[in-house]
N, C-alpha and C. Protein backbone atom coordinates (compact mmCIF):
# COMPACT_ATOMS: atom_id res chain seq x y z
N MET A 1 128.51 61.78 98.64
CA MET A 1 127.94 62.49 97.51
C MET A 1 126.44 62.64 97.73
N THR A 2 125.93 63.84 97.44
CA THR A 2 124.51 64.14 97.61
C THR A 2 123.75 63.76 96.35
N PRO A 3 122.63 63.05 96.49
CA PRO A 3 121.85 62.70 95.30
C PRO A 3 121.25 63.96 94.68
N PRO A 4 121.06 63.95 93.36
CA PRO A 4 120.47 65.12 92.70
C PRO A 4 119.02 65.32 93.14
N ALA A 5 118.59 66.57 93.11
CA ALA A 5 117.20 66.89 93.47
C ALA A 5 116.27 66.32 92.41
N ALA A 6 115.09 65.91 92.85
CA ALA A 6 114.10 65.39 91.92
C ALA A 6 113.59 66.51 91.03
N GLY A 7 113.27 66.19 89.81
CA GLY A 7 112.72 67.19 88.90
C GLY A 7 113.43 67.14 87.57
N PRO A 8 112.91 67.90 86.61
CA PRO A 8 113.50 67.90 85.28
C PRO A 8 114.92 68.46 85.30
N ILE A 9 115.70 68.01 84.38
CA ILE A 9 117.07 68.50 84.25
C ILE A 9 117.03 69.97 83.86
N ASP A 10 117.88 70.76 84.44
CA ASP A 10 118.00 72.19 84.18
C ASP A 10 116.73 72.96 84.53
N ALA A 11 115.94 72.43 85.44
CA ALA A 11 114.74 73.17 85.87
C ALA A 11 115.17 74.36 86.72
N PRO A 12 114.54 75.50 86.54
CA PRO A 12 114.91 76.66 87.35
C PRO A 12 114.53 76.43 88.81
N ALA A 13 115.26 77.04 89.68
CA ALA A 13 114.96 76.94 91.10
C ALA A 13 113.63 77.66 91.36
N PRO A 14 112.86 77.18 92.31
CA PRO A 14 111.59 77.85 92.62
C PRO A 14 111.85 79.30 93.02
N ALA A 15 111.00 80.18 92.56
CA ALA A 15 111.15 81.59 92.88
C ALA A 15 110.71 81.84 94.32
N ALA A 16 111.37 82.76 94.94
CA ALA A 16 110.98 83.15 96.30
C ALA A 16 109.66 83.92 96.21
N PRO A 17 108.82 83.78 97.21
CA PRO A 17 107.55 84.52 97.17
C PRO A 17 107.81 86.02 97.17
N VAL A 18 106.97 86.73 96.47
CA VAL A 18 107.09 88.19 96.42
C VAL A 18 106.31 88.76 97.59
N LEU A 19 107.02 89.45 98.44
CA LEU A 19 106.38 90.08 99.58
C LEU A 19 106.24 91.56 99.29
N LEU A 20 105.03 92.03 99.30
CA LEU A 20 104.78 93.44 99.02
C LEU A 20 105.06 94.27 100.26
N GLN A 21 105.64 95.40 100.04
CA GLN A 21 105.91 96.35 101.10
C GLN A 21 104.80 97.39 101.13
N GLY A 22 104.73 98.15 102.19
CA GLY A 22 103.73 99.19 102.31
C GLY A 22 103.75 100.17 101.16
N ALA A 23 104.95 100.54 100.69
CA ALA A 23 105.06 101.49 99.58
C ALA A 23 104.48 100.90 98.30
N ASP A 24 104.66 99.59 98.10
CA ASP A 24 104.11 98.92 96.92
C ASP A 24 102.58 99.00 96.93
N LEU A 25 102.01 98.75 98.09
CA LEU A 25 100.55 98.78 98.21
C LEU A 25 100.02 100.19 98.03
N GLN A 26 100.73 101.18 98.56
CA GLN A 26 100.30 102.57 98.39
C GLN A 26 100.32 102.96 96.92
N GLU A 27 101.35 102.54 96.20
CA GLU A 27 101.42 102.85 94.76
C GLU A 27 100.29 102.16 94.00
N ALA A 28 100.01 100.90 94.34
CA ALA A 28 98.92 100.18 93.68
C ALA A 28 97.58 100.87 93.95
N ARG A 29 97.35 101.27 95.18
CA ARG A 29 96.09 101.96 95.51
C ARG A 29 95.99 103.29 94.76
N ALA A 30 97.10 104.00 94.66
CA ALA A 30 97.09 105.27 93.93
C ALA A 30 96.76 105.05 92.46
N ARG A 31 97.27 103.98 91.87
CA ARG A 31 96.97 103.67 90.47
C ARG A 31 95.50 103.31 90.28
N LEU A 32 94.94 102.58 91.23
CA LEU A 32 93.51 102.23 91.14
C LEU A 32 92.65 103.49 91.23
N ARG A 33 93.01 104.39 92.14
CA ARG A 33 92.26 105.64 92.26
C ARG A 33 92.36 106.46 90.99
N ALA A 34 93.56 106.52 90.40
CA ALA A 34 93.75 107.27 89.16
C ALA A 34 92.91 106.68 88.03
N LEU A 35 92.82 105.35 87.97
CA LEU A 35 92.00 104.70 86.95
C LEU A 35 90.53 105.09 87.11
N ALA A 36 90.03 105.04 88.35
CA ALA A 36 88.64 105.42 88.59
C ALA A 36 88.40 106.88 88.19
N ASP A 37 89.32 107.76 88.54
CA ASP A 37 89.19 109.17 88.16
C ASP A 37 89.21 109.35 86.65
N ARG A 38 90.10 108.62 85.99
CA ARG A 38 90.20 108.73 84.53
C ARG A 38 88.91 108.24 83.87
N TRP A 39 88.35 107.15 84.36
CA TRP A 39 87.09 106.65 83.81
C TRP A 39 85.99 107.67 83.96
N ARG A 40 85.88 108.23 85.16
CA ARG A 40 84.80 109.18 85.43
C ARG A 40 84.92 110.44 84.58
N GLY A 41 86.08 110.71 84.05
CA GLY A 41 86.28 111.88 83.22
C GLY A 41 86.04 111.63 81.74
N GLN A 42 85.74 110.41 81.35
CA GLN A 42 85.53 110.06 79.95
C GLN A 42 84.09 110.34 79.52
N ALA A 43 83.92 110.64 78.25
CA ALA A 43 82.58 110.92 77.71
C ALA A 43 81.65 109.71 77.84
N TRP A 44 82.18 108.52 77.69
CA TRP A 44 81.34 107.33 77.75
C TRP A 44 80.82 107.06 79.15
N TRP A 45 81.47 107.63 80.18
CA TRP A 45 81.08 107.35 81.56
C TRP A 45 79.63 107.78 81.82
N ALA A 46 79.31 109.02 81.46
CA ALA A 46 77.96 109.52 81.69
C ALA A 46 76.94 108.71 80.91
N ALA A 47 77.27 108.40 79.66
CA ALA A 47 76.34 107.62 78.85
C ALA A 47 76.09 106.25 79.47
N LEU A 48 77.12 105.63 79.96
CA LEU A 48 76.98 104.29 80.53
C LEU A 48 76.25 104.33 81.86
N THR A 49 76.62 105.25 82.72
CA THR A 49 76.03 105.24 84.06
C THR A 49 74.65 105.89 84.12
N GLU A 50 74.30 106.70 83.12
CA GLU A 50 72.99 107.35 83.13
C GLU A 50 71.97 106.70 82.22
N ARG A 51 72.43 106.08 81.12
CA ARG A 51 71.47 105.54 80.15
C ARG A 51 71.46 104.02 80.05
N ALA A 52 72.43 103.37 80.64
CA ALA A 52 72.44 101.90 80.59
C ALA A 52 71.34 101.37 81.52
N PRO A 53 70.91 100.13 81.30
CA PRO A 53 69.92 99.55 82.22
C PRO A 53 70.41 99.65 83.67
N GLY A 54 69.49 99.82 84.59
CA GLY A 54 69.82 100.04 86.00
C GLY A 54 70.87 99.11 86.59
N PRO A 55 70.73 97.79 86.44
CA PRO A 55 71.73 96.91 87.04
C PRO A 55 73.13 97.10 86.46
N VAL A 56 73.22 97.36 85.17
CA VAL A 56 74.53 97.57 84.54
C VAL A 56 75.16 98.85 85.08
N ALA A 57 74.40 99.93 85.08
CA ALA A 57 74.91 101.21 85.56
C ALA A 57 75.33 101.10 87.02
N HIS A 58 74.53 100.40 87.81
CA HIS A 58 74.86 100.23 89.24
C HIS A 58 76.20 99.50 89.40
N GLU A 59 76.39 98.42 88.68
CA GLU A 59 77.62 97.63 88.81
C GLU A 59 78.85 98.42 88.35
N VAL A 60 78.70 99.19 87.29
CA VAL A 60 79.83 100.00 86.81
C VAL A 60 80.19 101.05 87.85
N ARG A 61 79.19 101.71 88.42
CA ARG A 61 79.47 102.71 89.47
C ARG A 61 80.08 102.05 90.69
N ALA A 62 79.57 100.89 91.08
CA ALA A 62 80.10 100.18 92.25
C ALA A 62 81.55 99.76 92.01
N PHE A 63 81.85 99.31 90.80
CA PHE A 63 83.23 98.92 90.46
C PHE A 63 84.15 100.13 90.58
N ALA A 64 83.74 101.26 90.04
CA ALA A 64 84.56 102.48 90.13
C ALA A 64 84.72 102.92 91.58
N ASP A 65 83.68 102.77 92.38
CA ASP A 65 83.78 103.13 93.80
C ASP A 65 84.80 102.27 94.53
N VAL A 66 84.83 100.99 94.20
CA VAL A 66 85.79 100.09 94.83
C VAL A 66 87.21 100.45 94.38
N LEU A 67 87.37 100.78 93.10
CA LEU A 67 88.67 101.23 92.62
C LEU A 67 89.08 102.51 93.33
N GLU A 68 88.15 103.43 93.48
CA GLU A 68 88.42 104.71 94.14
C GLU A 68 88.91 104.49 95.57
N ALA A 69 88.39 103.44 96.21
CA ALA A 69 88.82 103.11 97.57
C ALA A 69 90.19 102.45 97.59
N GLY A 70 90.72 102.09 96.41
CA GLY A 70 92.02 101.44 96.34
C GLY A 70 91.99 99.99 96.74
N ASP A 71 90.85 99.36 96.62
CA ASP A 71 90.67 97.97 97.04
C ASP A 71 90.75 97.03 95.85
N ALA A 72 91.95 96.54 95.56
CA ALA A 72 92.15 95.67 94.40
C ALA A 72 91.37 94.37 94.54
N GLY A 73 91.39 93.77 95.72
CA GLY A 73 90.66 92.52 95.93
C GLY A 73 89.16 92.71 95.75
N GLY A 74 88.65 93.77 96.32
CA GLY A 74 87.23 94.07 96.16
C GLY A 74 86.86 94.34 94.72
N ALA A 75 87.76 95.00 93.98
CA ALA A 75 87.51 95.28 92.57
C ALA A 75 87.40 93.98 91.78
N LEU A 76 88.26 93.03 92.08
CA LEU A 76 88.19 91.74 91.39
C LEU A 76 86.88 91.02 91.71
N LEU A 77 86.46 91.11 92.95
CA LEU A 77 85.21 90.46 93.33
C LEU A 77 84.00 91.18 92.75
N GLN A 78 84.12 92.45 92.49
CA GLN A 78 83.02 93.22 91.93
C GLN A 78 82.77 92.88 90.47
N LEU A 79 83.81 92.41 89.77
CA LEU A 79 83.65 92.07 88.36
C LEU A 79 82.70 90.89 88.21
N PRO A 80 81.90 90.90 87.16
CA PRO A 80 81.05 89.71 86.92
C PRO A 80 81.92 88.48 86.72
N ILE A 81 81.40 87.34 87.10
CA ILE A 81 82.15 86.09 87.01
C ILE A 81 82.64 85.85 85.58
N ARG A 82 81.83 86.16 84.59
CA ARG A 82 82.23 85.94 83.20
C ARG A 82 83.50 86.72 82.89
N TRP A 83 83.63 87.94 83.38
CA TRP A 83 84.82 88.76 83.13
C TRP A 83 86.03 88.18 83.82
N ARG A 84 85.85 87.61 85.00
CA ARG A 84 86.98 87.08 85.76
C ARG A 84 87.58 85.86 85.07
N ARG A 85 86.85 85.21 84.21
CA ARG A 85 87.36 83.99 83.53
C ARG A 85 88.19 84.32 82.31
N CYS A 86 88.19 85.56 81.88
CA CYS A 86 88.94 85.95 80.66
C CYS A 86 90.42 85.86 80.90
């Protein structure tokens, strides 16, 4: 007889890691690009990027540029640390 596995009773089996395929990544990049395009088309975009203090406007434009490139990891790193903790 095999001893029971350690752990809580009725615990779910560990999930298999999710491996992304090329098509998944292409879809994610397309969605990031669409988000950047949608932002740039909003009325608030010009107000924020043209009238906000220089560092704020720069970071917002840089964030949109990273999204436009389809770089999800870079977009996360571009966010201010305070935003990443939310």
